[in-house]
Amino acid sequence: MSEPGRVAIHYRRPPDRLRVYDQRVVLEREDVIVTLSEPVELRHPMTLDETVMLEQDSIVVWFTFPGLWHDIGRFHRADGTFSGLYANILTPVRIDGRRWDTTDLYLDVWWPPGAPIRVLDEDELEDALAAGHIDEARASRAREEAVRIVDLAVDGRWPPPVVKEWTLARALNAVDGSGRGAD
């Protein structure tokens, strides 16, 4: 395990959107890297079915698994309350030191506490396919990954244990010793 630092995640969304996320590394192992987002800046809360997933000043604990076609975020409200697990379906992250690169494949999986897991944004994937922003092979791979996650969750085998172990409080404590998270 190397000494924790910061990473710049170059997150592409076809056709031409690129965002760079600066995140602090709180755990680095061969099988997973755990990062902590900066407080999220949102004009409007991110909601689903009138339930807030993220809002201004929310913090996310992110789990990147080298070689996998998704990452996982432990989403929290601004007050630190856990709001759910969010998996981005994406290309396996290319890690080059502290620069990471990946491409969003449109689909996401959302699993709030006490509710069923579900696949999101299938319409966005279909629109991207129709517009030629993604090819059929990648679209198919994205669908397969989303279904795989749901099936594993239903069988009690997703998320991996590290996602349950690394709560917001633990991640914040790793950064500054505060342990100020609510989950």
N, C-alpha and C. Protein backbone atom coordinates (compact mmCIF):
# COMPACT_ATOMS: atom_id res chain seq x y z
N MET A 1 0.85 -1.18 0.00
CA MET A 1 0.00 0.00 0.00
C MET A 1 0.89 1.23 0.00
N SER A 2 0.63 2.14 -0.91
CA SER A 2 1.42 3.36 -0.96
C SER A 2 0.82 4.41 -0.03
N GLU A 3 1.59 5.45 0.22
CA GLU A 3 1.12 6.53 1.08
C GLU A 3 -0.05 7.25 0.43
N PRO A 4 -1.13 7.47 1.18
CA PRO A 4 -2.29 8.16 0.61
C PRO A 4 -1.93 9.57 0.16
N GLY A 5 -2.61 10.02 -0.88
CA GLY A 5 -2.43 11.36 -1.42
C GLY A 5 -3.71 11.81 -2.08
N ARG A 6 -3.56 12.47 -3.22
CA ARG A 6 -4.71 12.93 -3.98
C ARG A 6 -4.62 12.36 -5.38
N VAL A 7 -5.79 12.23 -6.03
CA VAL A 7 -5.84 11.77 -7.41
C VAL A 7 -6.68 12.75 -8.22
N ALA A 8 -6.36 12.82 -9.50
CA ALA A 8 -7.15 13.61 -10.46
C ALA A 8 -7.83 12.59 -11.36
N ILE A 9 -9.15 12.50 -11.24
CA ILE A 9 -9.93 11.53 -12.01
C ILE A 9 -10.51 12.24 -13.23
N HIS A 10 -10.04 11.86 -14.42
CA HIS A 10 -10.52 12.43 -15.67
C HIS A 10 -11.69 11.57 -16.13
N TYR A 11 -12.87 12.12 -15.97
CA TYR A 11 -14.12 11.39 -16.17
C TYR A 11 -14.79 11.89 -17.44
N ARG A 12 -14.76 11.05 -18.46
CA ARG A 12 -15.34 11.42 -19.75
C ARG A 12 -16.77 10.90 -19.89
N ARG A 13 -17.58 11.73 -20.53
CA ARG A 13 -18.93 11.30 -20.88
C ARG A 13 -19.14 11.68 -22.34
N PRO A 14 -19.19 10.66 -23.21
CA PRO A 14 -19.35 10.95 -24.63
C PRO A 14 -20.64 11.75 -24.90
N PRO A 15 -20.65 12.64 -25.89
CA PRO A 15 -19.60 12.70 -26.88
C PRO A 15 -18.39 13.54 -26.50
N ASP A 16 -18.55 14.60 -25.70
CA ASP A 16 -17.41 15.51 -25.53
C ASP A 16 -17.30 16.14 -24.14
N ARG A 17 -17.90 15.55 -23.14
CA ARG A 17 -17.83 16.14 -21.80
C ARG A 17 -16.68 15.51 -21.03
N LEU A 18 -15.89 16.35 -20.38
CA LEU A 18 -14.81 15.90 -19.52
C LEU A 18 -14.86 16.70 -18.23
N ARG A 19 -14.87 15.98 -17.11
CA ARG A 19 -14.77 16.61 -15.80
C ARG A 19 -13.59 15.99 -15.09
N VAL A 20 -12.87 16.79 -14.37
CA VAL A 20 -11.74 16.29 -13.58
C VAL A 20 -12.10 16.46 -12.11
N TYR A 21 -12.10 15.34 -11.41
CA TYR A 21 -12.42 15.33 -9.98
C TYR A 21 -11.14 15.16 -9.18
N ASP A 22 -10.92 16.05 -8.25
CA ASP A 22 -9.78 15.96 -7.34
C ASP A 22 -10.27 15.32 -6.05
N GLN A 23 -9.72 14.16 -5.73
CA GLN A 23 -10.18 13.45 -4.54
C GLN A 23 -9.00 12.99 -3.71
N ARG A 24 -9.25 12.88 -2.42
CA ARG A 24 -8.23 12.42 -1.48
C ARG A 24 -8.30 10.89 -1.37
N VAL A 25 -7.16 10.24 -1.45
CA VAL A 25 -7.08 8.79 -1.29
C VAL A 25 -7.03 8.49 0.21
N VAL A 26 -7.94 7.61 0.67
CA VAL A 26 -7.94 7.24 2.09
C VAL A 26 -7.51 5.79 2.31
N LEU A 27 -7.56 4.98 1.25
CA LEU A 27 -7.10 3.59 1.33
C LEU A 27 -6.67 3.17 -0.06
N GLU A 28 -5.50 2.54 -0.14
CA GLU A 28 -5.02 2.08 -1.44
C GLU A 28 -4.49 0.66 -1.28
N ARG A 29 -5.19 -0.27 -1.93
CA ARG A 29 -4.78 -1.67 -1.96
C ARG A 29 -4.77 -2.13 -3.41
N GLU A 30 -4.27 -3.33 -3.66
CA GLU A 30 -4.27 -3.83 -5.04
C GLU A 30 -5.68 -4.02 -5.58
N ASP A 31 -6.63 -4.41 -4.71
CA ASP A 31 -7.99 -4.72 -5.17
C ASP A 31 -8.96 -3.56 -5.13
N VAL A 32 -8.63 -2.48 -4.41
CA VAL A 32 -9.55 -1.35 -4.28
C VAL A 32 -8.78 -0.10 -3.86
N ILE A 33 -9.26 1.03 -4.36
CA ILE A 33 -8.77 2.33 -3.89
C ILE A 33 -9.99 3.10 -3.42
N VAL A 34 -9.93 3.58 -2.19
CA VAL A 34 -11.03 4.34 -1.60
C VAL A 34 -10.64 5.81 -1.60
N THR A 35 -11.52 6.64 -2.15
CA THR A 35 -11.28 8.08 -2.18
C THR A 35 -12.44 8.82 -1.55
N LEU A 36 -12.16 10.03 -1.15
CA LEU A 36 -13.16 10.88 -0.51
C LEU A 36 -13.33 12.13 -1.35
N SER A 37 -14.57 12.39 -1.76
CA SER A 37 -14.83 13.58 -2.57
C SER A 37 -14.71 14.83 -1.71
N GLU A 38 -14.53 15.93 -2.38
CA GLU A 38 -14.69 17.22 -1.72
C GLU A 38 -16.19 17.43 -1.56
N PRO A 39 -16.62 18.33 -0.67
CA PRO A 39 -18.06 18.59 -0.59
C PRO A 39 -18.62 18.95 -1.97
N VAL A 40 -19.72 18.31 -2.33
CA VAL A 40 -20.32 18.46 -3.65
C VAL A 40 -20.92 19.85 -3.82
N GLU A 41 -20.71 20.42 -5.01
CA GLU A 41 -21.33 21.70 -5.34
C GLU A 41 -22.46 21.43 -6.33
N LEU A 42 -23.68 21.62 -5.89
CA LEU A 42 -24.86 21.40 -6.72
C LEU A 42 -25.79 22.61 -6.63
N ARG A 43 -26.31 23.03 -7.77
CA ARG A 43 -27.31 24.10 -7.77
C ARG A 43 -28.62 23.61 -7.18
N HIS A 44 -28.95 22.35 -7.52
CA HIS A 44 -30.19 21.74 -7.05
C HIS A 44 -29.85 20.34 -6.53
N PRO A 45 -30.55 19.88 -5.52
CA PRO A 45 -30.29 18.53 -5.02
C PRO A 45 -30.51 17.48 -6.12
N MET A 46 -29.74 16.43 -6.07
CA MET A 46 -29.92 15.28 -6.95
C MET A 46 -30.95 14.39 -6.27
N THR A 47 -32.09 14.22 -6.93
CA THR A 47 -33.19 13.47 -6.31
C THR A 47 -33.65 12.33 -7.22
N LEU A 48 -34.31 11.38 -6.61
CA LEU A 48 -34.97 10.30 -7.33
C LEU A 48 -36.24 10.00 -6.56
N ASP A 49 -37.37 10.05 -7.23
CA ASP A 49 -38.66 9.82 -6.57
C ASP A 49 -38.82 10.71 -5.35
N GLU A 50 -38.42 11.96 -5.50
CA GLU A 50 -38.53 12.99 -4.46
C GLU A 50 -37.66 12.73 -3.23
N THR A 51 -36.74 11.77 -3.32
CA THR A 51 -35.80 11.50 -2.23
C THR A 51 -34.44 12.08 -2.61
N VAL A 52 -33.84 12.82 -1.69
CA VAL A 52 -32.54 13.45 -1.96
C VAL A 52 -31.44 12.39 -1.90
N MET A 53 -30.69 12.30 -2.99
CA MET A 53 -29.53 11.42 -3.07
C MET A 53 -28.27 12.19 -2.64
N LEU A 54 -28.10 13.36 -3.23
CA LEU A 54 -26.99 14.27 -2.93
C LEU A 54 -27.52 15.69 -2.91
N GLU A 55 -26.85 16.54 -2.16
CA GLU A 55 -27.22 17.95 -2.11
C GLU A 55 -25.96 18.78 -1.91
N GLN A 56 -26.09 20.07 -1.94
CA GLN A 56 -24.97 20.96 -1.72
C GLN A 56 -24.23 20.53 -0.44
N ASP A 57 -22.92 20.40 -0.55
CA ASP A 57 -22.01 20.05 0.55
C ASP A 57 -22.08 18.58 0.98
N SER A 58 -22.77 17.74 0.20
CA SER A 58 -22.71 16.29 0.45
C SER A 58 -21.28 15.81 0.22
N ILE A 59 -20.94 14.70 0.85
CA ILE A 59 -19.64 14.06 0.65
C ILE A 59 -19.89 12.63 0.22
N VAL A 60 -19.07 12.15 -0.71
CA VAL A 60 -19.18 10.79 -1.22
C VAL A 60 -17.89 10.04 -0.93
N VAL A 61 -18.02 8.81 -0.44
CA VAL A 61 -16.88 7.91 -0.33
C VAL A 61 -16.93 7.03 -1.58
N TRP A 62 -15.88 7.09 -2.39
CA TRP A 62 -15.83 6.37 -3.66
C TRP A 62 -14.92 5.15 -3.57
N PHE A 63 -15.31 4.08 -4.23
CA PHE A 63 -14.57 2.83 -4.26
C PHE A 63 -14.27 2.49 -5.71
N THR A 64 -13.00 2.46 -6.06
CA THR A 64 -12.57 2.13 -7.42
C THR A 64 -11.88 0.77 -7.37
N PHE A 65 -12.34 -0.12 -8.23
CA PHE A 65 -11.84 -1.49 -8.27
C PHE A 65 -11.11 -1.69 -9.60
N PRO A 66 -9.78 -1.74 -9.58
CA PRO A 66 -9.05 -1.89 -10.84
C PRO A 66 -9.57 -3.08 -11.65
N GLY A 67 -9.84 -2.82 -12.93
CA GLY A 67 -10.30 -3.87 -13.84
C GLY A 67 -11.81 -4.04 -13.92
N LEU A 68 -12.56 -3.48 -12.97
CA LEU A 68 -14.02 -3.63 -13.01
C LEU A 68 -14.66 -2.54 -13.87
N TRP A 69 -15.88 -2.84 -14.32
CA TRP A 69 -16.64 -1.94 -15.19
C TRP A 69 -17.61 -1.08 -14.39
N HIS A 70 -17.31 -0.83 -13.13
CA HIS A 70 -18.10 0.11 -12.33
C HIS A 70 -17.28 0.58 -11.14
N ASP A 71 -17.68 1.70 -10.59
CA ASP A 71 -17.18 2.11 -9.29
C ASP A 71 -18.40 2.23 -8.38
N ILE A 72 -18.17 2.45 -7.11
CA ILE A 72 -19.27 2.53 -6.15
C ILE A 72 -19.08 3.78 -5.30
N GLY A 73 -20.15 4.53 -5.12
CA GLY A 73 -20.14 5.67 -4.22
C GLY A 73 -21.08 5.43 -3.05
N ARG A 74 -20.60 5.69 -1.83
CA ARG A 74 -21.46 5.75 -0.65
C ARG A 74 -21.92 7.20 -0.57
N PHE A 75 -23.17 7.46 -0.93
CA PHE A 75 -23.71 8.82 -0.97
C PHE A 75 -24.22 9.22 0.42
N HIS A 76 -24.04 10.51 0.72
CA HIS A 76 -24.49 11.07 2.00
C HIS A 76 -25.12 12.43 1.77
N ARG A 77 -26.05 12.76 2.62
CA ARG A 77 -26.61 14.11 2.64
C ARG A 77 -25.57 15.06 3.26
N ALA A 78 -25.83 16.34 3.19
CA ALA A 78 -24.90 17.33 3.72
C ALA A 78 -24.65 17.15 5.22
N ASP A 79 -25.65 16.62 5.94
CA ASP A 79 -25.48 16.40 7.38
C ASP A 79 -24.77 15.08 7.70
N GLY A 80 -24.33 14.35 6.65
CA GLY A 80 -23.61 13.10 6.85
C GLY A 80 -24.48 11.86 6.84
N THR A 81 -25.80 12.02 6.76
CA THR A 81 -26.70 10.87 6.73
C THR A 81 -26.50 10.08 5.44
N PHE A 82 -26.31 8.77 5.58
CA PHE A 82 -26.15 7.89 4.43
C PHE A 82 -27.44 7.88 3.62
N SER A 83 -27.33 8.12 2.30
CA SER A 83 -28.53 8.14 1.46
C SER A 83 -28.61 6.95 0.50
N GLY A 84 -27.49 6.25 0.25
CA GLY A 84 -27.55 5.07 -0.59
C GLY A 84 -26.25 4.77 -1.29
N LEU A 85 -26.25 3.64 -2.00
CA LEU A 85 -25.10 3.23 -2.80
C LEU A 85 -25.39 3.53 -4.26
N TYR A 86 -24.39 4.06 -4.94
CA TYR A 86 -24.53 4.48 -6.33
C TYR A 86 -23.37 3.87 -7.10
N ALA A 87 -23.67 3.09 -8.12
CA ALA A 87 -22.63 2.52 -8.96
C ALA A 87 -22.69 3.15 -10.34
N ASN A 88 -21.58 3.75 -10.75
CA ASN A 88 -21.43 4.24 -12.11
C ASN A 88 -20.97 3.09 -12.97
N ILE A 89 -21.64 2.85 -14.06
CA ILE A 89 -21.15 1.87 -15.03
C ILE A 89 -20.20 2.63 -15.94
N LEU A 90 -18.97 2.16 -16.02
CA LEU A 90 -17.93 2.89 -16.74
C LEU A 90 -16.85 1.93 -17.25
N THR A 91 -15.98 2.45 -18.08
CA THR A 91 -14.86 1.64 -18.53
C THR A 91 -13.92 1.43 -17.34
N PRO A 92 -13.19 0.30 -17.32
CA PRO A 92 -12.23 0.12 -16.24
C PRO A 92 -11.29 1.33 -16.16
N VAL A 93 -11.07 1.79 -14.96
CA VAL A 93 -10.26 2.99 -14.76
C VAL A 93 -8.80 2.71 -15.11
N ARG A 94 -8.24 3.58 -15.95
CA ARG A 94 -6.80 3.51 -16.25
C ARG A 94 -6.10 4.36 -15.20
N ILE A 95 -5.25 3.72 -14.43
CA ILE A 95 -4.56 4.39 -13.34
C ILE A 95 -3.11 4.59 -13.74
N ASP A 96 -2.69 5.84 -13.80
CA ASP A 96 -1.31 6.19 -14.12
C ASP A 96 -0.83 7.13 -13.03
N GLY A 97 -0.32 6.52 -11.96
CA GLY A 97 0.09 7.33 -10.82
C GLY A 97 -1.12 8.00 -10.20
N ARG A 98 -1.07 9.31 -10.12
CA ARG A 98 -2.17 10.07 -9.52
C ARG A 98 -3.13 10.62 -10.56
N ARG A 99 -2.98 10.20 -11.82
CA ARG A 99 -3.95 10.57 -12.86
C ARG A 99 -4.72 9.31 -13.23
N TRP A 100 -6.03 9.41 -13.17
CA TRP A 100 -6.91 8.30 -13.54
C TRP A 100 -7.77 8.76 -14.71
N ASP A 101 -8.11 7.81 -15.60
CA ASP A 101 -8.99 8.10 -16.74
C ASP A 101 -10.04 7.02 -16.86
N THR A 102 -11.27 7.43 -17.13
CA THR A 102 -12.36 6.50 -17.36
C THR A 102 -13.43 7.18 -18.21
N THR A 103 -14.31 6.36 -18.77
CA THR A 103 -15.41 6.88 -19.59
C THR A 103 -16.73 6.34 -19.05
N ASP A 104 -17.64 7.24 -18.82
CA ASP A 104 -18.98 6.90 -18.35
C ASP A 104 -19.74 6.16 -19.44
N LEU A 105 -20.43 5.09 -19.06
CA LEU A 105 -21.23 4.32 -20.02
C LEU A 105 -22.73 4.50 -19.78
N TYR A 106 -23.10 5.65 -19.22
CA TYR A 106 -24.48 6.13 -19.10
C TYR A 106 -25.30 5.47 -18.01
N LEU A 107 -25.23 4.17 -17.83
CA LEU A 107 -26.06 3.51 -16.83
C LEU A 107 -25.51 3.70 -15.42
N ASP A 108 -26.41 3.71 -14.46
CA ASP A 108 -26.05 3.76 -13.04
C ASP A 108 -26.95 2.79 -12.30
N VAL A 109 -26.50 2.39 -11.13
CA VAL A 109 -27.29 1.53 -10.26
C VAL A 109 -27.42 2.26 -8.93
N TRP A 110 -28.64 2.31 -8.40
CA TRP A 110 -28.93 3.04 -7.15
C TRP A 110 -29.58 2.09 -6.16
N TRP A 111 -29.09 2.13 -4.91
CA TRP A 111 -29.64 1.28 -3.87
C TRP A 111 -29.74 2.06 -2.56
N PRO A 112 -30.89 2.69 -2.34
CA PRO A 112 -31.07 3.43 -1.08
C PRO A 112 -31.40 2.48 0.06
N PRO A 113 -31.14 2.89 1.29
CA PRO A 113 -31.46 2.03 2.43
C PRO A 113 -32.95 1.68 2.47
N GLY A 114 -33.24 0.41 2.68
CA GLY A 114 -34.62 -0.03 2.86
C GLY A 114 -35.46 -0.06 1.60
N ALA A 115 -34.82 0.07 0.45
CA ALA A 115 -35.57 0.07 -0.82
C ALA A 115 -34.88 -0.88 -1.80
N PRO A 116 -35.60 -1.26 -2.85
CA PRO A 116 -34.98 -2.16 -3.83
C PRO A 116 -33.89 -1.48 -4.65
N ILE A 117 -32.95 -2.26 -5.09
CA ILE A 117 -31.90 -1.78 -5.99
C ILE A 117 -32.50 -1.60 -7.38
N ARG A 118 -32.01 -0.61 -8.12
CA ARG A 118 -32.56 -0.38 -9.45
C ARG A 118 -31.53 0.22 -10.39
N VAL A 119 -31.72 -0.05 -11.67
CA VAL A 119 -30.88 0.49 -12.72
C VAL A 119 -31.47 1.82 -13.17
N LEU A 120 -30.60 2.81 -13.32
CA LEU A 120 -31.03 4.15 -13.74
C LEU A 120 -30.49 4.49 -15.13
N ASP A 121 -31.15 5.41 -15.77
CA ASP A 121 -30.67 6.07 -16.99
C ASP A 121 -30.59 5.17 -18.23
N GLU A 122 -31.46 4.17 -18.28
CA GLU A 122 -31.51 3.33 -19.49
C GLU A 122 -31.88 4.17 -20.71
N ASP A 123 -32.71 5.18 -20.51
CA ASP A 123 -33.08 6.06 -21.62
C ASP A 123 -31.87 6.84 -22.13
N GLU A 124 -30.98 7.25 -21.25
CA GLU A 124 -29.78 7.97 -21.66
C GLU A 124 -28.86 7.08 -22.49
N LEU A 125 -28.75 5.81 -22.09
CA LEU A 125 -27.95 4.86 -22.87
C LEU A 125 -28.54 4.68 -24.26
N GLU A 126 -29.86 4.52 -24.34
CA GLU A 126 -30.51 4.35 -25.65
C GLU A 126 -30.33 5.58 -26.52
N ASP A 127 -30.45 6.78 -25.93
CA ASP A 127 -30.25 8.01 -26.69
C ASP A 127 -28.82 8.11 -27.20
N ALA A 128 -27.85 7.75 -26.36
CA ALA A 128 -26.44 7.80 -26.75
C ALA A 128 -26.14 6.80 -27.86
N LEU A 129 -26.76 5.64 -27.78
CA LEU A 129 -26.60 4.62 -28.82
C LEU A 129 -27.17 5.13 -30.14
N ALA A 130 -28.36 5.69 -30.10
CA ALA A 130 -29.01 6.22 -31.31
C ALA A 130 -28.21 7.37 -31.93
N ALA A 131 -27.56 8.16 -31.07
CA ALA A 131 -26.79 9.31 -31.56
C ALA A 131 -25.37 8.92 -31.99
N GLY A 132 -25.00 7.67 -31.77
CA GLY A 132 -23.66 7.23 -32.15
C GLY A 132 -22.57 7.61 -31.17
N HIS A 133 -22.95 7.97 -29.93
CA HIS A 133 -21.97 8.34 -28.91
C HIS A 133 -21.35 7.12 -28.24
N ILE A 134 -21.97 5.98 -28.43
CA ILE A 134 -21.49 4.72 -27.88
C ILE A 134 -21.85 3.62 -28.88
N ASP A 135 -20.97 2.64 -29.00
CA ASP A 135 -21.28 1.57 -29.96
C ASP A 135 -22.05 0.45 -29.25
N GLU A 136 -22.62 -0.45 -30.04
CA GLU A 136 -23.46 -1.52 -29.50
C GLU A 136 -22.69 -2.42 -28.55
N ALA A 137 -21.42 -2.68 -28.84
CA ALA A 137 -20.62 -3.54 -27.97
C ALA A 137 -20.46 -2.93 -26.57
N ARG A 138 -20.17 -1.66 -26.52
CA ARG A 138 -20.02 -1.00 -25.21
C ARG A 138 -21.37 -0.89 -24.51
N ALA A 139 -22.42 -0.59 -25.25
CA ALA A 139 -23.76 -0.51 -24.66
C ALA A 139 -24.15 -1.86 -24.07
N SER A 140 -23.86 -2.91 -24.78
CA SER A 140 -24.16 -4.26 -24.30
C SER A 140 -23.36 -4.57 -23.04
N ARG A 141 -22.09 -4.18 -23.04
CA ARG A 141 -21.24 -4.42 -21.86
C ARG A 141 -21.77 -3.63 -20.66
N ALA A 142 -22.25 -2.42 -20.89
CA ALA A 142 -22.81 -1.61 -19.81
C ALA A 142 -24.06 -2.28 -19.23
N ARG A 143 -24.93 -2.76 -20.11
CA ARG A 143 -26.15 -3.45 -19.63
C ARG A 143 -25.79 -4.69 -18.82
N GLU A 144 -24.84 -5.47 -19.33
CA GLU A 144 -24.41 -6.69 -18.63
C GLU A 144 -23.89 -6.37 -17.23
N GLU A 145 -23.12 -5.31 -17.12
CA GLU A 145 -22.56 -4.95 -15.81
C GLU A 145 -23.66 -4.51 -14.85
N ALA A 146 -24.60 -3.73 -15.32
CA ALA A 146 -25.70 -3.29 -14.45
C ALA A 146 -26.52 -4.49 -13.97
N VAL A 147 -26.83 -5.42 -14.87
CA VAL A 147 -27.58 -6.62 -14.49
C VAL A 147 -26.78 -7.47 -13.50
N ARG A 148 -25.47 -7.58 -13.74
CA ARG A 148 -24.61 -8.36 -12.85
C ARG A 148 -24.64 -7.79 -11.42
N ILE A 149 -24.56 -6.47 -11.31
CA ILE A 149 -24.59 -5.83 -9.99
C ILE A 149 -25.92 -6.11 -9.29
N VAL A 150 -27.02 -5.94 -10.01
CA VAL A 150 -28.34 -6.19 -9.41
C VAL A 150 -28.45 -7.64 -8.96
N ASP A 151 -28.03 -8.57 -9.81
CA ASP A 151 -28.10 -9.99 -9.46
C ASP A 151 -27.26 -10.30 -8.22
N LEU A 152 -26.06 -9.76 -8.16
CA LEU A 152 -25.20 -9.97 -6.99
C LEU A 152 -25.83 -9.39 -5.73
N ALA A 153 -26.43 -8.22 -5.86
CA ALA A 153 -27.08 -7.59 -4.70
C ALA A 153 -28.25 -8.43 -4.20
N VAL A 154 -29.05 -8.91 -5.12
CA VAL A 154 -30.20 -9.74 -4.75
C VAL A 154 -29.73 -11.02 -4.04
N ASP A 155 -28.57 -11.54 -4.46
CA ASP A 155 -27.99 -12.74 -3.83
C ASP A 155 -27.22 -12.43 -2.55
N GLY A 156 -27.14 -11.14 -2.17
CA GLY A 156 -26.41 -10.76 -0.96
C GLY A 156 -24.90 -10.72 -1.13
N ARG A 157 -24.44 -10.62 -2.38
CA ARG A 157 -23.00 -10.64 -2.64
C ARG A 157 -22.47 -9.31 -3.18
N TRP A 158 -23.26 -8.28 -3.09
CA TRP A 158 -22.86 -6.94 -3.51
C TRP A 158 -23.51 -5.96 -2.57
N PRO A 159 -22.82 -4.96 -2.12
CA PRO A 159 -21.47 -4.54 -2.50
C PRO A 159 -20.41 -5.38 -1.78
N PRO A 160 -19.16 -5.25 -2.22
CA PRO A 160 -18.09 -5.95 -1.53
C PRO A 160 -17.96 -5.46 -0.08
N PRO A 161 -17.43 -6.29 0.80
CA PRO A 161 -17.32 -5.91 2.22
C PRO A 161 -16.63 -4.57 2.47
N VAL A 162 -15.64 -4.21 1.66
CA VAL A 162 -14.92 -2.96 1.88
C VAL A 162 -15.86 -1.75 1.83
N VAL A 163 -16.93 -1.84 1.06
CA VAL A 163 -17.88 -0.73 0.94
C VAL A 163 -18.65 -0.55 2.25
N LYS A 164 -18.95 -1.64 2.90
CA LYS A 164 -19.64 -1.56 4.19
C LYS A 164 -18.68 -1.10 5.29
N GLU A 165 -17.42 -1.51 5.19
CA GLU A 165 -16.42 -1.19 6.21
C GLU A 165 -16.00 0.27 6.20
N TRP A 166 -15.91 0.87 5.00
CA TRP A 166 -15.42 2.24 4.88
C TRP A 166 -16.58 3.23 4.83
N THR A 167 -17.09 3.52 6.00
CA THR A 167 -18.16 4.50 6.16
C THR A 167 -17.60 5.91 6.00
N LEU A 168 -18.48 6.89 5.93
CA LEU A 168 -18.04 8.28 5.88
C LEU A 168 -17.22 8.62 7.11
N ALA A 169 -17.66 8.20 8.28
CA ALA A 169 -16.93 8.50 9.51
C ALA A 169 -15.51 7.93 9.44
N ARG A 170 -15.37 6.73 8.97
CA ARG A 170 -14.04 6.12 8.89
C ARG A 170 -13.16 6.85 7.87
N ALA A 171 -13.74 7.22 6.73
CA ALA A 171 -12.98 7.94 5.71
C ALA A 171 -12.54 9.32 6.22
N LEU A 172 -13.44 10.03 6.87
CA LEU A 172 -13.08 11.34 7.42
C LEU A 172 -12.02 11.20 8.50
N ASN A 173 -12.14 10.17 9.30
CA ASN A 173 -11.14 9.93 10.34
C ASN A 173 -9.77 9.64 9.73
N ALA A 174 -9.75 8.92 8.61
CA ALA A 174 -8.48 8.62 7.94
C ALA A 174 -7.83 9.89 7.40
N VAL A 175 -8.66 10.87 7.03
CA VAL A 175 -8.15 12.12 6.48
C VAL A 175 -7.68 13.06 7.58
N ASP A 176 -8.52 13.27 8.58
CA ASP A 176 -8.18 14.31 9.56
C ASP A 176 -8.38 13.92 11.02
N GLY A 177 -8.75 12.67 11.26
CA GLY A 177 -8.92 12.23 12.64
C GLY A 177 -10.21 12.71 13.28
N SER A 178 -11.11 13.34 12.51
CA SER A 178 -12.30 13.92 13.13
C SER A 178 -13.40 12.91 13.40
N GLY A 179 -13.56 11.93 12.48
CA GLY A 179 -14.65 10.97 12.63
C GLY A 179 -16.01 11.63 12.65
N ARG A 180 -16.16 12.78 11.96
CA ARG A 180 -17.39 13.57 12.07
C ARG A 180 -18.55 13.08 11.23
N GLY A 181 -18.39 11.98 10.50
CA GLY A 181 -19.48 11.47 9.67
C GLY A 181 -20.59 10.86 10.50
N ALA A 182 -21.78 10.77 9.94
CA ALA A 182 -22.94 10.27 10.67
C ALA A 182 -23.18 8.78 10.47
N ASP A 183 -22.59 8.16 9.44
CA ASP A 183 -22.93 6.74 9.23
C ASP A 183 -22.01 5.82 9.93
